[in-house]
């Protein structure tokens, strides 16, 4: 059965299904659904790092094991100036949420402590607009 615009019910159903599947995929990717609710802390030495899209990643050595520490979206990390402060060999403390499968050494960091500087990639929401951190008006310190 065709509608006046030439699209069949079947075609519309396929379009709706594809849109729904992409929506679920995007929601799962951009949430914390694949991570545990409990807070987890990892402290160790950065042995490798990737700062790019879609999410930067750190490889952190802790007691001879290597943890994958995923960060917020690249724009958030760059805005915090964290990517310009960190170098391989730095010791960090990442706080966030671990994957439920404890055989995998992987977590998503909410904050990273580097020296005396705490980098908060998910600052609290400010009801007056934007996040609690003011917009950066000057370049990252070098």
N, C-alpha and C. Protein backbone atom coordinates (compact mmCIF):
# COMPACT_ATOMS: atom_id res chain seq x y z
N UNK A 1 0.84 -1.18 0.00
CA UNK A 1 0.00 0.00 0.00
C UNK A 1 0.89 1.24 0.00
N UNK A 2 0.64 2.14 -0.92
CA UNK A 2 1.43 3.36 -1.05
C UNK A 2 0.64 4.56 -0.55
N UNK A 3 1.39 5.49 0.03
CA UNK A 3 0.79 6.75 0.43
C UNK A 3 0.87 7.71 -0.75
N UNK A 4 0.27 8.86 -0.60
CA UNK A 4 0.28 9.84 -1.69
C UNK A 4 1.69 10.28 -2.07
N UNK A 5 2.61 10.31 -1.10
CA UNK A 5 3.96 10.77 -1.41
C UNK A 5 4.83 9.65 -1.98
N UNK A 6 4.30 8.46 -2.15
CA UNK A 6 5.02 7.37 -2.79
C UNK A 6 5.77 6.45 -1.84
N UNK A 7 5.78 6.74 -0.54
CA UNK A 7 6.47 5.88 0.42
C UNK A 7 5.52 4.79 0.92
N UNK A 8 6.00 3.58 0.95
CA UNK A 8 5.17 2.48 1.45
C UNK A 8 5.28 2.43 2.97
N UNK A 9 4.34 1.75 3.59
CA UNK A 9 4.37 1.55 5.03
C UNK A 9 5.66 0.83 5.42
N UNK A 10 6.05 -0.14 4.60
CA UNK A 10 7.27 -0.91 4.86
C UNK A 10 8.49 0.01 4.87
N UNK A 11 8.57 0.92 3.92
CA UNK A 11 9.69 1.86 3.86
C UNK A 11 9.74 2.74 5.10
N UNK A 12 8.59 3.20 5.52
CA UNK A 12 8.53 4.04 6.72
C UNK A 12 8.95 3.24 7.95
N UNK A 13 8.54 1.99 8.02
CA UNK A 13 8.91 1.14 9.16
C UNK A 13 10.42 0.93 9.21
N UNK A 14 11.03 0.71 8.06
CA UNK A 14 12.49 0.52 8.01
C UNK A 14 13.20 1.79 8.45
N UNK A 15 12.76 2.94 7.97
CA UNK A 15 13.37 4.21 8.36
C UNK A 15 13.24 4.42 9.86
N UNK A 16 12.08 4.13 10.42
CA UNK A 16 11.85 4.29 11.86
C UNK A 16 12.75 3.35 12.66
N UNK A 17 12.90 2.11 12.20
CA UNK A 17 13.74 1.14 12.89
C UNK A 17 15.21 1.57 12.88
N UNK A 18 15.70 2.01 11.74
CA UNK A 18 17.09 2.46 11.63
C UNK A 18 17.32 3.67 12.54
N UNK A 19 16.40 4.61 12.54
CA UNK A 19 16.53 5.79 13.39
C UNK A 19 16.56 5.40 14.86
N UNK A 20 15.71 4.45 15.25
CA UNK A 20 15.67 4.00 16.63
C UNK A 20 16.98 3.32 17.02
N UNK A 21 17.51 2.49 16.15
CA UNK A 21 18.76 1.79 16.45
C UNK A 21 19.93 2.76 16.59
N UNK A 22 20.01 3.76 15.72
CA UNK A 22 21.08 4.74 15.84
C UNK A 22 20.92 5.56 17.11
N UNK A 23 19.70 5.85 17.49
CA UNK A 23 19.44 6.59 18.72
C UNK A 23 19.89 5.83 19.94
N UNK A 24 19.62 4.53 19.99
CA UNK A 24 20.04 3.69 21.11
C UNK A 24 21.56 3.62 21.16
N UNK A 25 22.18 3.46 20.01
CA UNK A 25 23.64 3.38 19.95
C UNK A 25 24.27 4.67 20.47
N UNK A 26 23.76 5.80 20.04
CA UNK A 26 24.31 7.08 20.48
C UNK A 26 24.09 7.29 21.97
N UNK A 27 22.92 6.91 22.47
CA UNK A 27 22.64 7.07 23.89
C UNK A 27 23.56 6.19 24.72
N UNK A 28 23.81 4.97 24.29
CA UNK A 28 24.70 4.08 25.03
C UNK A 28 26.13 4.60 25.00
N UNK A 29 26.57 5.12 23.87
CA UNK A 29 27.94 5.62 23.75
C UNK A 29 28.15 6.84 24.63
N UNK A 30 27.20 7.73 24.69
CA UNK A 30 27.39 8.99 25.39
C UNK A 30 26.97 8.96 26.84
N UNK A 31 26.62 7.80 27.36
CA UNK A 31 26.25 7.70 28.75
C UNK A 31 27.25 6.88 29.53
N UNK A 32 26.86 6.56 30.73
CA UNK A 32 27.71 5.74 31.59
C UNK A 32 27.11 4.36 31.78
N UNK A 33 26.21 3.95 30.87
CA UNK A 33 25.51 2.68 31.01
C UNK A 33 26.45 1.49 31.04
N UNK A 34 27.57 1.56 30.37
CA UNK A 34 28.48 0.42 30.34
C UNK A 34 29.50 0.44 31.47
N UNK A 35 29.32 1.33 32.43
CA UNK A 35 30.24 1.43 33.57
C UNK A 35 29.47 1.21 34.87
N UNK A 36 30.18 0.76 35.91
CA UNK A 36 29.53 0.51 37.20
C UNK A 36 29.17 1.84 37.87
N UNK A 37 28.27 1.76 38.83
CA UNK A 37 27.85 2.97 39.55
C UNK A 37 28.85 3.34 40.64
N UNK A 38 29.60 2.34 41.13
CA UNK A 38 30.55 2.60 42.21
C UNK A 38 31.72 3.44 41.71
N UNK A 39 32.17 4.34 42.58
CA UNK A 39 33.33 5.15 42.23
C UNK A 39 34.59 4.30 42.33
N UNK A 40 35.51 4.51 41.41
CA UNK A 40 36.76 3.75 41.39
C UNK A 40 37.91 4.73 41.23
N UNK A 41 39.03 4.43 41.89
CA UNK A 41 40.20 5.30 41.84
C UNK A 41 41.40 4.50 41.36
N UNK A 42 42.13 5.06 40.40
CA UNK A 42 43.35 4.45 39.88
C UNK A 42 44.47 5.48 39.98
N UNK A 43 45.58 5.09 40.61
CA UNK A 43 46.76 5.97 40.70
C UNK A 43 47.94 5.24 40.08
N UNK A 44 48.62 5.92 39.16
CA UNK A 44 49.76 5.29 38.52
C UNK A 44 50.46 6.22 37.56
N UNK A 45 51.36 5.64 36.77
CA UNK A 45 52.19 6.38 35.83
C UNK A 45 51.64 6.28 34.42
N UNK A 46 51.52 7.42 33.76
CA UNK A 46 51.04 7.45 32.38
C UNK A 46 52.16 6.93 31.47
N UNK A 47 51.87 5.82 30.76
CA UNK A 47 52.88 5.23 29.87
C UNK A 47 52.55 5.47 28.40
N UNK A 48 51.32 5.85 28.11
CA UNK A 48 50.92 6.17 26.74
C UNK A 48 49.66 7.02 26.81
N UNK A 49 49.45 7.84 25.79
CA UNK A 49 48.24 8.67 25.77
C UNK A 49 47.84 8.97 24.35
N UNK A 50 46.54 9.15 24.18
CA UNK A 50 45.96 9.51 22.89
C UNK A 50 45.02 10.66 23.13
N UNK A 51 45.26 11.79 22.49
CA UNK A 51 44.36 12.94 22.60
C UNK A 51 43.77 13.20 21.23
N UNK A 52 42.59 12.67 20.99
CA UNK A 52 41.92 12.84 19.72
C UNK A 52 40.46 12.46 19.84
N UNK A 53 39.79 12.43 18.71
CA UNK A 53 38.36 12.15 18.66
C UNK A 53 38.12 10.66 18.65
N UNK A 54 37.04 10.16 19.18
CA UNK A 54 36.03 10.93 19.89
C UNK A 54 36.39 11.14 21.37
N UNK A 55 37.18 10.22 21.95
CA UNK A 55 37.54 10.33 23.36
C UNK A 55 39.02 10.09 23.57
N UNK A 56 39.70 10.99 24.27
CA UNK A 56 41.09 10.74 24.63
C UNK A 56 41.19 9.54 25.57
N UNK A 57 42.36 8.90 25.56
CA UNK A 57 42.58 7.71 26.38
C UNK A 57 43.99 7.76 26.95
N UNK A 58 44.12 7.33 28.19
CA UNK A 58 45.42 7.21 28.84
C UNK A 58 45.68 5.74 29.13
N UNK A 59 46.92 5.33 29.01
CA UNK A 59 47.33 4.01 29.45
C UNK A 59 48.16 4.25 30.70
N UNK A 60 47.67 3.74 31.83
CA UNK A 60 48.27 4.03 33.13
C UNK A 60 48.78 2.74 33.76
N UNK A 61 50.05 2.73 34.14
CA UNK A 61 50.63 1.55 34.77
C UNK A 61 50.46 1.64 36.28
N UNK A 62 49.83 0.59 36.83
CA UNK A 62 49.56 0.51 38.25
C UNK A 62 50.02 -0.86 38.74
N UNK A 63 51.04 -0.90 39.58
CA UNK A 63 51.54 -2.17 40.12
C UNK A 63 51.78 -3.22 39.04
N UNK A 64 52.40 -2.83 37.95
CA UNK A 64 52.74 -3.75 36.88
C UNK A 64 51.62 -4.07 35.91
N UNK A 65 50.42 -3.54 36.16
CA UNK A 65 49.28 -3.74 35.25
C UNK A 65 48.98 -2.44 34.53
N UNK A 66 48.43 -2.56 33.33
CA UNK A 66 48.12 -1.35 32.54
C UNK A 66 46.61 -1.15 32.43
N UNK A 67 46.18 0.02 32.87
CA UNK A 67 44.78 0.40 32.85
C UNK A 67 44.49 1.30 31.66
N UNK A 68 43.36 1.04 31.00
CA UNK A 68 42.82 1.97 30.00
C UNK A 68 41.95 2.96 30.74
N UNK A 69 42.33 4.22 30.71
CA UNK A 69 41.55 5.27 31.37
C UNK A 69 41.00 6.17 30.28
N UNK A 70 39.69 6.07 30.06
CA UNK A 70 39.02 6.87 29.03
C UNK A 70 38.60 8.19 29.64
N UNK A 71 38.73 9.25 28.86
CA UNK A 71 38.37 10.59 29.33
C UNK A 71 37.09 11.06 28.64
N UNK A 72 36.66 12.25 28.99
CA UNK A 72 35.46 12.85 28.39
C UNK A 72 35.73 13.15 26.91
N UNK A 73 34.74 13.67 26.25
CA UNK A 73 34.88 14.04 24.84
C UNK A 73 36.09 14.97 24.66
N UNK A 74 36.71 14.87 23.50
CA UNK A 74 37.94 15.61 23.21
C UNK A 74 37.80 17.10 23.51
N UNK A 75 36.67 17.71 23.15
CA UNK A 75 36.48 19.14 23.38
C UNK A 75 36.53 19.51 24.85
N UNK A 76 35.93 18.68 25.70
CA UNK A 76 35.95 18.94 27.15
C UNK A 76 37.38 18.84 27.69
N UNK A 77 38.10 17.84 27.23
CA UNK A 77 39.47 17.64 27.72
C UNK A 77 40.35 18.79 27.26
N UNK A 78 40.23 19.19 26.01
CA UNK A 78 41.03 20.29 25.48
C UNK A 78 40.68 21.60 26.21
N UNK A 79 39.41 21.83 26.48
CA UNK A 79 38.97 23.04 27.17
C UNK A 79 39.58 23.12 28.57
N UNK A 80 39.79 21.96 29.21
CA UNK A 80 40.34 21.94 30.56
C UNK A 80 41.85 22.20 30.58
N UNK A 81 42.50 22.15 29.41
CA UNK A 81 43.95 22.30 29.25
C UNK A 81 44.73 21.08 29.75
N UNK A 82 44.04 20.01 30.10
CA UNK A 82 44.70 18.80 30.60
C UNK A 82 45.66 18.23 29.57
N UNK A 83 45.25 18.24 28.31
CA UNK A 83 46.09 17.66 27.26
C UNK A 83 47.41 18.41 27.09
N UNK A 84 47.47 19.67 27.49
CA UNK A 84 48.70 20.44 27.37
C UNK A 84 49.57 20.31 28.62
N UNK A 85 48.98 19.85 29.73
CA UNK A 85 49.72 19.74 30.99
C UNK A 85 50.38 18.38 31.16
N UNK A 86 49.79 17.34 30.59
CA UNK A 86 50.23 15.97 30.82
C UNK A 86 51.35 15.55 29.88
N UNK A 87 52.33 14.83 30.41
CA UNK A 87 53.37 14.21 29.59
C UNK A 87 53.55 12.77 30.07
N UNK A 88 54.01 11.92 29.16
CA UNK A 88 54.26 10.53 29.54
C UNK A 88 55.25 10.50 30.70
N UNK A 89 54.99 9.62 31.65
CA UNK A 89 55.82 9.52 32.85
C UNK A 89 55.22 10.23 34.04
N UNK A 90 54.21 11.10 33.81
CA UNK A 90 53.54 11.77 34.93
C UNK A 90 52.76 10.75 35.75
N UNK A 91 52.68 11.01 37.05
CA UNK A 91 51.87 10.19 37.94
C UNK A 91 50.54 10.91 38.13
N UNK A 92 49.45 10.17 37.93
CA UNK A 92 48.11 10.75 38.05
C UNK A 92 47.26 9.90 38.99
N UNK A 93 46.16 10.49 39.44
CA UNK A 93 45.11 9.77 40.14
C UNK A 93 43.81 10.06 39.41
N UNK A 94 43.23 9.02 38.83
CA UNK A 94 41.96 9.16 38.10
C UNK A 94 40.83 8.62 38.97
N UNK A 95 39.75 9.38 39.03
CA UNK A 95 38.56 8.96 39.77
C UNK A 95 37.41 8.90 38.79
N UNK A 96 36.68 7.78 38.81
CA UNK A 96 35.58 7.62 37.88
C UNK A 96 34.85 6.32 38.09
N UNK A 97 34.52 5.65 37.00
CA UNK A 97 33.71 4.43 37.06
C UNK A 97 34.35 3.34 36.21
N UNK A 98 34.44 2.16 36.80
CA UNK A 98 35.07 1.01 36.15
C UNK A 98 34.03 0.23 35.36
N UNK A 99 34.50 -0.51 34.35
CA UNK A 99 33.59 -1.42 33.64
C UNK A 99 33.24 -2.56 34.60
N UNK A 100 32.01 -3.09 34.52
CA UNK A 100 31.60 -4.16 35.44
C UNK A 100 32.44 -5.43 35.33
N UNK A 101 32.95 -5.74 34.15
CA UNK A 101 33.78 -6.93 33.95
C UNK A 101 35.16 -6.65 34.54
N UNK A 102 35.40 -7.14 35.76
CA UNK A 102 36.64 -6.81 36.47
C UNK A 102 37.88 -7.48 35.87
N UNK A 103 37.70 -8.35 34.88
CA UNK A 103 38.87 -8.91 34.20
C UNK A 103 39.47 -7.87 33.24
N UNK A 104 38.69 -6.83 32.92
CA UNK A 104 39.17 -5.74 32.07
C UNK A 104 39.62 -4.59 32.95
N UNK A 105 40.81 -4.10 32.72
CA UNK A 105 41.34 -2.97 33.48
C UNK A 105 41.01 -1.70 32.70
N UNK A 106 39.77 -1.26 32.85
CA UNK A 106 39.27 -0.11 32.09
C UNK A 106 38.32 0.70 32.94
N UNK A 107 38.43 2.02 32.82
CA UNK A 107 37.52 2.92 33.53
C UNK A 107 37.31 4.19 32.72
N UNK A 108 36.25 4.91 33.07
CA UNK A 108 35.98 6.23 32.50
C UNK A 108 36.20 7.24 33.62
N UNK A 109 37.14 8.15 33.41
CA UNK A 109 37.51 9.10 34.46
C UNK A 109 36.57 10.30 34.47
N UNK A 110 36.14 10.66 35.65
CA UNK A 110 35.38 11.89 35.86
C UNK A 110 36.34 13.04 36.15
N UNK A 111 37.37 12.74 36.96
CA UNK A 111 38.39 13.72 37.31
C UNK A 111 39.77 13.07 37.23
N UNK A 112 40.78 13.88 37.04
CA UNK A 112 42.17 13.41 37.09
C UNK A 112 42.96 14.43 37.91
N UNK A 113 43.69 13.92 38.90
CA UNK A 113 44.58 14.75 39.70
C UNK A 113 45.99 14.60 39.13
N UNK A 114 46.58 15.71 38.72
CA UNK A 114 47.94 15.75 38.18
C UNK A 114 48.71 16.76 39.00
N UNK A 115 49.62 16.28 39.84
CA UNK A 115 50.31 17.18 40.77
C UNK A 115 49.29 17.76 41.74
N UNK A 116 49.24 19.08 41.83
CA UNK A 116 48.28 19.75 42.70
C UNK A 116 47.02 20.19 41.95
N UNK A 117 46.95 19.91 40.66
CA UNK A 117 45.84 20.39 39.82
C UNK A 117 44.80 19.29 39.60
N UNK A 118 43.55 19.59 39.94
CA UNK A 118 42.45 18.65 39.71
C UNK A 118 41.72 19.07 38.43
N UNK A 119 41.66 18.16 37.47
CA UNK A 119 40.96 18.40 36.20
C UNK A 119 39.61 17.70 36.27
N UNK A 120 38.54 18.48 36.25
CA UNK A 120 37.18 17.96 36.34
C UNK A 120 36.57 18.02 34.95
N UNK A 121 36.37 16.85 34.33
CA UNK A 121 35.85 16.81 32.97
C UNK A 121 34.33 16.86 32.92
N UNK A 122 33.69 16.67 34.07
CA UNK A 122 32.23 16.72 34.15
C UNK A 122 31.83 17.62 35.32
N UNK A 123 32.10 18.93 35.23
CA UNK A 123 31.77 19.82 36.34
C UNK A 123 30.26 19.88 36.56
N UNK A 124 29.85 20.20 37.79
CA UNK A 124 28.41 20.24 38.08
C UNK A 124 27.68 21.26 37.22
N UNK A 125 26.42 20.97 36.96
CA UNK A 125 25.58 21.86 36.17
C UNK A 125 25.29 23.14 36.94
N UNK A 126 25.36 24.26 36.24
CA UNK A 126 25.05 25.55 36.83
C UNK A 126 23.67 25.96 36.31
N UNK A 127 22.65 26.08 37.20
CA UNK A 127 21.30 26.43 36.72
C UNK A 127 21.21 27.80 36.06
N UNK A 128 22.22 28.64 36.25
CA UNK A 128 22.21 29.96 35.62
C UNK A 128 22.74 29.90 34.19
N UNK A 129 23.13 28.72 33.76
CA UNK A 129 23.59 28.55 32.39
C UNK A 129 24.98 27.95 32.31
N UNK A 130 25.11 26.92 31.51
CA UNK A 130 26.41 26.28 31.31
C UNK A 130 26.83 25.45 32.50
N UNK A 131 28.11 25.08 32.53
CA UNK A 131 28.61 24.31 33.66
C UNK A 131 29.18 25.25 34.71
N UNK A 132 29.64 24.68 35.81
CA UNK A 132 30.11 25.51 36.93
C UNK A 132 31.44 26.20 36.62
N UNK A 133 32.15 25.71 35.63
CA UNK A 133 33.42 26.35 35.26
C UNK A 133 33.15 27.52 34.31
N UNK A 134 33.73 28.69 34.58
CA UNK A 134 33.52 29.81 33.66
C UNK A 134 34.17 29.53 32.32
N UNK A 135 33.69 30.17 31.29
CA UNK A 135 34.29 30.02 29.96
C UNK A 135 35.73 30.52 30.00
N UNK A 136 36.60 29.75 29.38
CA UNK A 136 38.01 30.15 29.32
C UNK A 136 38.14 31.31 28.33
N UNK A 137 38.78 32.39 28.75
CA UNK A 137 38.96 33.54 27.86
C UNK A 137 40.40 33.68 27.40
N UNK A 138 41.31 32.99 28.08
CA UNK A 138 42.72 33.06 27.69
C UNK A 138 43.19 31.67 27.29
N UNK A 139 44.29 31.60 26.53
CA UNK A 139 44.79 30.28 26.14
C UNK A 139 45.30 29.50 27.34
N UNK A 140 45.45 28.21 27.17
CA UNK A 140 45.98 27.36 28.23
C UNK A 140 47.38 27.82 28.60
N UNK A 141 47.73 27.79 29.89
CA UNK A 141 49.08 28.18 30.29
C UNK A 141 50.11 27.20 29.72
N UNK A 142 51.28 27.69 29.40
CA UNK A 142 52.33 26.81 28.86
C UNK A 142 53.43 26.58 29.85
